[in-house]
C-alpha cells in the first residue's frame, strides 16, 4: 500500500514514480508529493477510483476546501490513462488520445498545454481526409496527465492511497464507510462517497455493503479491448500514415494501431495494437501466449512480414461503455449521506466525458454540503 499526502514527511516521491515534479494548476499551488503514514481520520469525501473522473472530482473538491481522500486498487493512478515502459520504448496501451468538444474541457486542456503536459498529436488519421479537429497526446505518455492531476490534488492537501481494493460501501447512519479486501488497512469513514470505478465493480461494492443499487447502473455494459505492445527495429511508419497511426473502427482485427515514436512519446519504435471488441471478448480468457499465437499472422500482415523483439499483452475488461447513462452522475437513493456514481459511463464516454462527469459530481456534492450546513 502507498499513501501519499502533501506534507508530513521529508521522503519525497511523485506518486511512486521517482523524483517529484513541481506542477501548476488552476489555483497556482505547487505539488510535491510525500509518503506518509496512513491517516485514520475521517474525511468529508472519499473518492473511489483515481482515473480521470476521480482525480478531476477530487481536485475540484479539495480546492473548494473539503478534506478528500482518493483510493485506487491500482499500483499507480490513471486507470485507462495508461502507459508502459518496455526497454527504451514508451507505449500508451489504454486511451490513445483525446479530443475537445466543450469549452469547459477546452479550458482545462489549454492549461495542460501551458504546463507542457499535453500537445496536439494530429488533426486526423486519414491522410486524405484530415478533419481539422485536433487529437491531443500527453507528452511522455497518457499516464503523465493522470500523474499531473494527482500531484495537483496532493499539493492542494488531498490524500491519495493506491494499491487498495475497496470491498464494500456501508451506510452506518453517522458516516459512509469503505472496507478493503485482504488488507490490514482500517475502514475509511466519510460524510460522502463518490464511486468512479466501472459500474460492475460499483455494483459489487454497494451490494457487499447492503446498499441499494440504482436500477440504471445494472443496465450499463462495457466492451473489452486486448492491447498488444510490440517492440521492433523495423520502422512501420510508412504503413500507418503521416500521424503514425491507423484508426479503423470497422476492421475485424485491429481498430487502432499506433507507433509511439512517431506519436512523439517514445525514444524507440513501439507499436500499440487495439484488438476489435468482439474479438477481444472471444479471446479475453485465453492465456497471453494463446492470444499472441492467434494474432501473430494478422500482426505480420500489418507489418509486411517484419518481426519484433518483444511482445506483451494488456487486457482491458472495461475498456469503454457500450450503453452509458445519459446523466453525468447518479445518486444512490434511500441513504442518509450522499453516495454518488460517476465515470465515463455517465453522460458521455471518452476522456472528456470522464472529466465532465467528475466535475458535475463534485459540484453536486458541494451543493449538498452547502444545503446541509445551511
Protein backbone atom coordinates (compact mmCIF):
# COMPACT_ATOMS: atom_id res chain seq x y z
CA UNK A 1 0.00 0.00 0.00
CA UNK A 2 1.22 3.51 -0.75
CA UNK A 3 -0.33 6.50 0.94
CA UNK A 4 0.53 9.95 -0.40
CA UNK A 5 -0.15 13.37 1.02
CA UNK A 6 1.16 16.88 0.54
CA UNK A 7 3.35 17.04 3.63
CA UNK A 8 4.28 15.28 6.88
CA UNK A 9 7.50 13.64 5.62
CA UNK A 10 10.88 14.54 4.19
CA UNK A 11 11.00 11.42 1.99
CA UNK A 12 9.84 12.61 -1.40
CA UNK A 13 8.32 10.81 -4.35
CA UNK A 14 5.87 11.67 -7.09
CA UNK A 15 3.18 9.03 -6.82
CA UNK A 16 5.72 6.27 -6.61
CA UNK A 17 7.45 7.05 -9.91
CA UNK A 18 10.69 8.78 -8.99
CA UNK A 19 11.69 12.34 -8.07
CA UNK A 20 8.86 14.84 -7.54
CA UNK A 21 7.73 17.18 -10.26
CA UNK A 22 6.55 20.66 -9.40
CA UNK A 23 3.43 21.41 -11.41
CA UNK A 24 0.96 24.26 -11.53
CA UNK A 25 -2.78 24.01 -11.70
CA UNK A 26 -5.62 26.43 -11.73
CA UNK A 27 -5.16 27.81 -8.21
CA UNK A 28 -1.41 28.19 -8.63
CA UNK A 29 -0.32 25.66 -6.00
CA UNK A 30 2.88 23.65 -6.25
CA UNK A 31 2.57 19.89 -5.80
CA UNK A 32 5.34 17.92 -4.15
CA UNK A 33 4.05 14.55 -3.02
CA UNK A 34 5.47 12.80 0.03
CA UNK A 35 4.94 9.39 1.53
CA UNK A 36 3.34 9.47 4.95
CA UNK A 37 1.78 7.18 7.48
CA UNK A 38 -1.83 6.23 6.82
CA UNK A 39 -4.24 8.72 8.32
CA UNK A 40 -7.08 7.22 10.32
CA UNK A 41 -9.05 10.47 10.32
CA UNK A 42 -12.40 10.61 8.60
CA UNK A 43 -12.79 12.88 5.59
CA UNK A 44 -15.53 14.96 4.05
CA UNK A 45 -15.45 12.98 0.81
CA UNK A 46 -14.00 9.59 -0.12
CA UNK A 47 -13.45 9.11 -3.85
CA UNK A 48 -13.05 5.55 -5.12
CA UNK A 49 -11.00 5.42 -8.32
CA UNK A 50 -8.03 7.53 -9.43
CA UNK A 51 -8.78 7.76 -13.13
CA UNK A 52 -9.77 10.95 -14.92
CA UNK A 53 -13.16 11.16 -13.19
CA UNK A 54 -11.90 10.56 -9.67
CA UNK A 55 -8.90 12.86 -9.99
CA UNK A 56 -10.99 15.66 -11.52
CA UNK A 57 -13.61 15.38 -8.80
CA UNK A 58 -11.04 15.10 -6.03
CA UNK A 59 -9.17 18.19 -7.20
CA UNK A 60 -12.40 20.18 -7.56
CA UNK A 61 -13.47 19.26 -4.04
CA UNK A 62 -10.16 19.81 -2.28
CA UNK A 63 -9.76 23.21 -3.92
CA UNK A 64 -13.21 24.09 -2.55
CA UNK A 65 -11.91 23.41 0.96
CA UNK A 66 -13.12 19.85 1.50
CA UNK A 67 -10.99 17.13 3.06
CA UNK A 68 -10.76 14.44 0.39
CA UNK A 69 -9.19 11.00 0.12
CA UNK A 70 -8.89 9.16 -3.20
CA UNK A 71 -8.32 5.40 -3.08
CA UNK A 72 -7.49 3.16 -6.03
CA UNK A 73 -6.84 -0.54 -6.43
CA UNK A 74 -4.01 0.01 -8.93
CA UNK A 75 -0.33 0.45 -8.16
CA UNK A 76 -0.49 3.97 -9.58
CA UNK A 77 -3.07 6.46 -10.78
CA UNK A 78 -4.71 6.84 -14.17
CA UNK A 79 -6.93 3.88 -14.91
CA UNK A 80 -7.10 3.74 -18.70
CA UNK A 81 -4.76 6.74 -18.93
CA UNK A 82 -2.11 4.05 -19.06
CA UNK A 83 1.47 3.98 -20.30
CA UNK A 84 4.01 1.17 -20.15
CA UNK A 85 7.78 1.30 -20.45
CA UNK A 86 9.41 -1.65 -22.28
CA UNK A 87 13.14 -1.23 -22.60
CA UNK A 88 13.76 2.07 -24.36
CA UNK A 89 10.21 2.27 -25.66
CA UNK A 90 7.25 4.11 -24.10
CA UNK A 91 3.83 2.85 -25.17
CA UNK A 92 0.31 4.06 -24.45
CA UNK A 93 -1.85 0.97 -24.10
CA UNK A 94 -5.15 2.37 -22.81
CA UNK A 95 -6.61 5.63 -24.10
CA UNK A 96 -4.58 6.72 -27.14
CA UNK A 97 -5.61 10.36 -27.48
CA UNK A 98 -8.43 12.72 -26.60
CA UNK A 99 -10.46 15.41 -28.34
CA UNK A 100 -12.16 18.57 -27.12
CA UNK A 101 -15.85 19.27 -27.72
CA UNK A 102 -16.83 21.54 -24.84
CA UNK A 103 -15.45 24.92 -23.81
CA UNK A 104 -15.12 23.70 -20.22
CA UNK A 105 -12.83 20.84 -21.16
CA UNK A 106 -11.07 23.12 -23.65
CA UNK A 107 -10.15 25.48 -20.81
CA UNK A 108 -8.57 22.62 -18.90
CA UNK A 109 -6.68 21.37 -21.96
CA UNK A 110 -5.25 24.84 -22.61
CA UNK A 111 -4.00 24.90 -19.03
CA UNK A 112 -2.37 21.48 -19.50
CA UNK A 113 -0.80 22.71 -22.75
CA UNK A 114 0.60 25.72 -20.92
CA UNK A 115 2.11 23.39 -18.33
CA UNK A 116 3.73 21.32 -21.09
CA UNK A 117 1.76 18.21 -20.23
CA UNK A 118 -0.27 17.77 -23.44
CA UNK A 119 0.08 18.80 -27.08
CA UNK A 120 -1.67 18.28 -30.40
CA UNK A 121 -0.75 14.97 -32.00
CA UNK A 122 -2.65 15.19 -35.27
CA UNK A 123 -5.79 16.56 -36.93
CA UNK A 124 -6.92 13.21 -38.30
CA UNK A 125 -5.67 9.71 -39.04
CA UNK A 126 -6.70 9.58 -42.70
CA UNK A 127 -4.18 11.47 -44.84
CA UNK A 128 -6.81 12.10 -47.48
CA UNK A 129 -9.48 13.27 -45.07
CA UNK A 130 -7.98 15.37 -42.26
CA UNK A 131 -10.95 16.91 -40.47
CA UNK A 132 -9.05 19.75 -38.79
CA UNK A 133 -10.14 18.60 -35.33
CA UNK A 134 -7.12 18.25 -33.02
CA UNK A 135 -6.33 14.95 -31.34
CA UNK A 136 -4.25 15.50 -28.21
CA UNK A 137 -1.48 13.32 -26.82
CA UNK A 138 0.13 13.53 -23.41
CA UNK A 139 3.82 14.30 -23.67
CA UNK A 140 5.64 11.27 -22.32
CA UNK A 141 2.55 9.07 -22.38
CA UNK A 142 -1.06 9.30 -21.26
CA UNK A 143 -0.32 8.31 -17.67
CA UNK A 144 1.59 11.58 -17.23
CA UNK A 145 -1.69 13.51 -17.39
CA UNK A 146 -3.09 11.44 -14.52
CA UNK A 147 0.09 11.97 -12.50
CA UNK A 148 -0.08 15.70 -13.20
CA UNK A 149 -3.64 15.86 -11.82
CA UNK A 150 -2.73 13.64 -8.87
CA UNK A 151 0.22 15.85 -7.98
CA UNK A 152 -2.04 18.90 -8.07
CA UNK A 153 -4.56 17.10 -5.86
CA UNK A 154 -1.91 16.11 -3.32
CA UNK A 155 -0.34 19.57 -3.47
CA UNK A 156 -3.71 21.11 -2.60
CA UNK A 157 -3.92 18.97 0.53
CA UNK A 158 -5.67 15.81 -0.69
CA UNK A 159 -4.81 12.27 0.44
CA UNK A 160 -4.11 9.60 -2.17
CA UNK A 161 -3.97 5.89 -1.41
CA UNK A 162 -3.12 3.33 -4.10
CA UNK A 163 -2.93 -0.46 -4.17
CA UNK A 164 -6.07 -0.79 -2.05
CA UNK A 165 -9.21 -2.50 -3.37
CA UNK A 166 -12.49 -1.38 -1.82
CA UNK A 167 -14.65 -4.33 -0.81
CA UNK A 168 -17.82 -2.66 0.45
CA UNK A 169 -19.55 0.67 0.96
CA UNK A 170 -21.64 0.73 4.14
CA UNK A 171 -24.12 3.30 5.40
CA UNK A 172 -23.61 3.37 9.18
CA UNK A 173 -26.05 6.24 9.73
CA UNK A 174 -23.37 8.62 11.01
CA UNK A 175 -20.95 8.10 8.09
CA UNK A 176 -20.41 6.18 4.88
CA UNK A 177 -17.70 3.60 5.42
CA UNK A 178 -15.44 1.82 2.93
CA UNK A 179 -13.88 -1.53 3.83
CA UNK A 180 -10.96 -3.10 1.99
CA UNK A 181 -10.12 -6.52 0.54
CA UNK A 182 -7.36 -8.61 2.09
CA UNK A 183 -5.66 -5.81 3.97
CA UNK A 184 -4.92 -4.52 7.42
CA UNK A 185 -5.99 -1.03 6.40
CA UNK A 186 -8.79 0.15 8.68
CA UNK A 187 -12.08 1.21 7.13
CA UNK A 188 -12.31 4.77 5.85
CA UNK A 189 -15.17 6.93 7.08
CA UNK A 190 -16.55 9.89 5.15
CA UNK A 191 -19.55 12.18 5.04
CA UNK A 192 -19.96 11.48 1.32
CA UNK A 193 -18.64 8.93 -1.17
CA UNK A 194 -18.09 9.19 -4.91
CA UNK A 195 -17.66 5.89 -6.78
CA UNK A 196 -15.94 6.20 -10.17
CA UNK A 197 -14.98 2.60 -10.94
CA UNK A 198 -16.61 0.69 -13.84
CA UNK A 199 -20.23 0.06 -12.94
CA UNK A 200 -19.96 -3.74 -12.42
CA UNK A 201 -17.38 -3.03 -9.72
CA UNK A 202 -19.59 -0.31 -8.24
CA UNK A 203 -22.47 -2.78 -8.02
CA UNK A 204 -20.24 -5.27 -6.18
CA UNK A 205 -19.15 -2.64 -3.63
CA UNK A 206 -22.71 -1.48 -2.96
CA UNK A 207 -24.15 -4.99 -2.70
CA UNK A 208 -21.34 -6.12 -0.38
CA UNK A 209 -22.29 -3.30 1.98
CA UNK A 210 -26.02 -3.92 1.79
CA UNK A 211 -26.58 -0.65 -0.07
CA UNK A 212 -29.32 -0.10 -2.67
CA UNK A 213 -28.16 -0.18 -6.29
CA UNK A 214 -29.81 2.23 -8.76
CA UNK A 215 -31.52 0.16 -11.44
CA UNK A 216 -29.99 2.09 -14.38
CA UNK A 217 -26.50 1.15 -13.22
CA UNK A 218 -27.21 -2.54 -13.81
CA UNK A 219 -28.05 -1.79 -17.45
CA UNK A 220 -24.65 -0.32 -18.31
CA UNK A 221 -22.43 -2.69 -20.30
CA UNK A 222 -18.85 -2.38 -21.49
CA UNK A 223 -16.75 -3.61 -24.38
CA UNK A 224 -13.40 -5.28 -23.83
CA UNK A 225 -10.14 -4.50 -25.60
CA UNK A 226 -6.96 -6.52 -25.76
CA UNK A 227 -3.89 -4.37 -26.39
CA UNK A 228 -0.76 -5.84 -27.96
CA UNK A 229 2.50 -3.98 -27.37
CA UNK A 230 5.32 -4.70 -29.83
CA UNK A 231 8.96 -3.64 -29.79
CA UNK A 232 10.68 -3.83 -33.17
CA UNK A 233 13.70 -2.48 -35.03
CA UNK A 234 11.68 -2.04 -38.22
CA UNK A 235 10.02 1.35 -38.78
CA UNK A 236 6.44 0.75 -40.00
CA UNK A 237 5.51 4.45 -40.17
CA UNK A 238 5.05 4.33 -43.93
CA UNK A 239 2.27 1.79 -43.43
CA UNK A 240 0.49 3.88 -40.80
CA UNK A 241 0.07 7.29 -42.41
CA UNK A 242 1.53 10.68 -41.50
CA UNK A 243 0.48 10.51 -37.84
CA UNK A 244 1.99 7.06 -37.39
CA UNK A 245 -1.42 5.62 -36.59
CA UNK A 246 -4.47 3.99 -38.12
CA UNK A 247 -7.98 4.38 -36.73
CA UNK A 248 -10.20 1.77 -38.34
CA UNK A 249 -13.31 1.08 -36.24
CA UNK A 250 -14.78 -1.37 -38.77
CA UNK A 251 -11.69 -3.53 -39.10
CA UNK A 252 -12.38 -7.11 -37.90
CA UNK A 253 -8.96 -7.40 -36.23
CA UNK A 254 -7.40 -4.11 -35.09
CA UNK A 255 -9.46 -0.97 -34.55
CA UNK A 256 -6.47 1.21 -33.68
CA UNK A 257 -2.75 0.94 -34.38
CA UNK A 258 -0.17 3.48 -33.24
CA UNK A 259 3.59 3.70 -33.50
CA UNK A 260 4.59 5.50 -30.32
CA UNK A 261 7.85 7.02 -31.54
CA UNK A 262 6.06 8.62 -34.47
CA UNK A 263 3.40 9.74 -32.00
CA UNK A 264 6.13 11.64 -30.18
CA UNK A 265 6.12 9.91 -26.79
CA UNK A 266 8.85 7.26 -27.20
CA UNK A 267 12.58 7.20 -27.93
CA UNK A 268 12.30 3.80 -29.61
CA UNK A 269 9.91 2.18 -32.07
CA UNK A 270 7.00 0.63 -30.20
CA UNK A 271 3.60 -0.32 -31.59
CA UNK A 272 0.24 -0.49 -29.83
CA UNK A 273 -2.50 -2.64 -31.41
CA UNK A 274 -6.05 -2.47 -30.06
CA UNK A 275 -7.96 -5.62 -30.94
CA UNK A 276 -11.54 -5.31 -32.15
CA UNK A 277 -14.03 -5.57 -29.22
CA UNK A 278 -15.86 -8.74 -30.32
CA UNK A 279 -12.57 -10.49 -30.99
CA UNK A 280 -11.21 -9.19 -27.69
CA UNK A 281 -14.19 -10.67 -25.86
CA UNK A 282 -13.71 -14.02 -27.59
CA UNK A 283 -10.04 -14.16 -26.64
CA UNK A 284 -10.24 -12.49 -23.24
CA UNK A 285 -9.94 -15.63 -21.10
CA UNK A 286 -7.13 -17.09 -23.19
CA UNK A 287 -3.56 -17.00 -21.96
CA UNK A 288 -1.25 -14.29 -23.24
CA UNK A 289 0.62 -16.82 -25.35
CA UNK A 290 -2.61 -18.16 -26.86
CA UNK A 291 -3.61 -14.60 -27.79
CA UNK A 292 -0.21 -13.92 -29.35
CA UNK A 293 -0.32 -17.17 -31.34
CA UNK A 294 -3.83 -16.39 -32.59
CA UNK A 295 -3.00 -12.85 -33.71
CA UNK A 296 0.57 -13.29 -34.99
CA UNK A 297 -0.48 -13.86 -38.65
CA UNK A 298 -2.51 -10.64 -38.59
CA UNK A 299 0.31 -8.72 -36.97
CA UNK A 300 2.71 -9.92 -39.66
CA UNK A 301 0.21 -8.89 -42.32
CA UNK A 302 0.04 -5.34 -40.96
CA UNK A 303 3.82 -5.14 -40.58
CA UNK A 304 4.55 -6.54 -44.04
CA UNK A 305 6.21 -9.63 -42.64
CA UNK A 306 8.52 -7.75 -40.25
CA UNK A 307 9.39 -9.40 -36.96
CA UNK A 308 9.57 -7.98 -33.45
CA UNK A 309 11.90 -8.22 -30.48
CA UNK A 310 9.28 -8.39 -27.77
CA UNK A 311 5.51 -8.54 -27.44
CA UNK A 312 3.30 -8.02 -24.39
CA UNK A 313 -0.45 -8.32 -23.81
CA UNK A 314 -2.64 -5.98 -21.78
CA UNK A 315 -6.33 -6.80 -21.22
CA UNK A 316 -8.98 -4.16 -20.59
CA UNK A 317 -12.19 -5.84 -19.43
CA UNK A 318 -13.98 -2.48 -19.14
CA UNK A 319 -12.38 -0.55 -21.99
CA UNK A 320 -15.40 1.66 -22.59
CA UNK A 321 -19.16 1.73 -22.12
CA UNK A 322 -21.39 0.28 -24.84
CA UNK A 323 -24.52 1.89 -23.46
CA UNK A 324 -23.94 4.51 -20.81
CA UNK A 325 -26.38 6.50 -18.72
CA UNK A 326 -27.37 9.94 -20.10
CA UNK A 327 -26.76 11.85 -16.86
CA UNK A 328 -23.29 12.92 -15.70
CA UNK A 329 -23.77 11.15 -12.35
CA UNK A 330 -26.32 9.15 -10.39
CA UNK A 331 -27.18 9.25 -6.70
CA UNK A 332 -27.91 6.23 -4.53
CA UNK A 333 -31.39 6.66 -3.08
CA UNK A 334 -32.52 5.70 0.39
CA UNK A 335 -29.33 6.61 2.24
CA UNK A 336 -28.82 9.46 4.66
CA UNK A 337 -25.48 10.71 3.35
CA UNK A 338 -24.56 11.33 -0.29
CA UNK A 339 -23.30 8.40 -2.34
CA UNK A 340 -22.79 9.35 -5.99
CA UNK A 341 -21.74 7.30 -9.02
CA UNK A 342 -19.77 8.83 -11.88
CA UNK A 343 -17.36 7.95 -14.66
CA UNK A 344 -17.15 7.71 -18.43
CA UNK A 345 -20.35 5.62 -18.42
CA UNK A 346 -22.28 8.71 -17.30
CA UNK A 347 -23.20 11.46 -19.71
CA UNK A 348 -20.67 10.65 -22.41
CA UNK A 349 -17.71 8.36 -22.87
CA UNK A 350 -14.04 9.08 -23.59
CA UNK A 351 -11.60 11.24 -21.67
CA UNK A 352 -13.71 14.39 -21.94
CA UNK A 353 -16.82 12.59 -20.72
CA UNK A 354 -14.93 11.25 -17.71
CA UNK A 355 -13.63 14.74 -16.91
CA UNK A 356 -17.07 16.36 -17.12
CA UNK A 357 -18.66 13.59 -15.06
CA UNK A 358 -16.13 14.20 -12.30
CA UNK A 359 -16.77 17.93 -12.36
CA UNK A 360 -20.56 17.61 -12.21
CA UNK A 361 -20.45 15.04 -9.43
CA UNK A 362 -18.10 17.21 -7.35
CA UNK A 363 -20.32 20.24 -7.85
CA UNK A 364 -23.33 18.24 -6.70
CA UNK A 365 -21.51 17.18 -3.54
CA UNK A 366 -20.57 20.79 -2.85
CA UNK A 367 -24.20 21.88 -3.29
CA UNK A 368 -25.42 19.19 -0.92
CA UNK A 369 -22.77 20.14 1.63
CA UNK A 370 -23.88 23.76 1.49
CA UNK A 371 -27.53 22.79 1.95
CA UNK A 372 -26.67 20.59 4.93
CA UNK A 373 -24.53 23.23 6.64
CA UNK A 374 -27.16 25.89 5.91
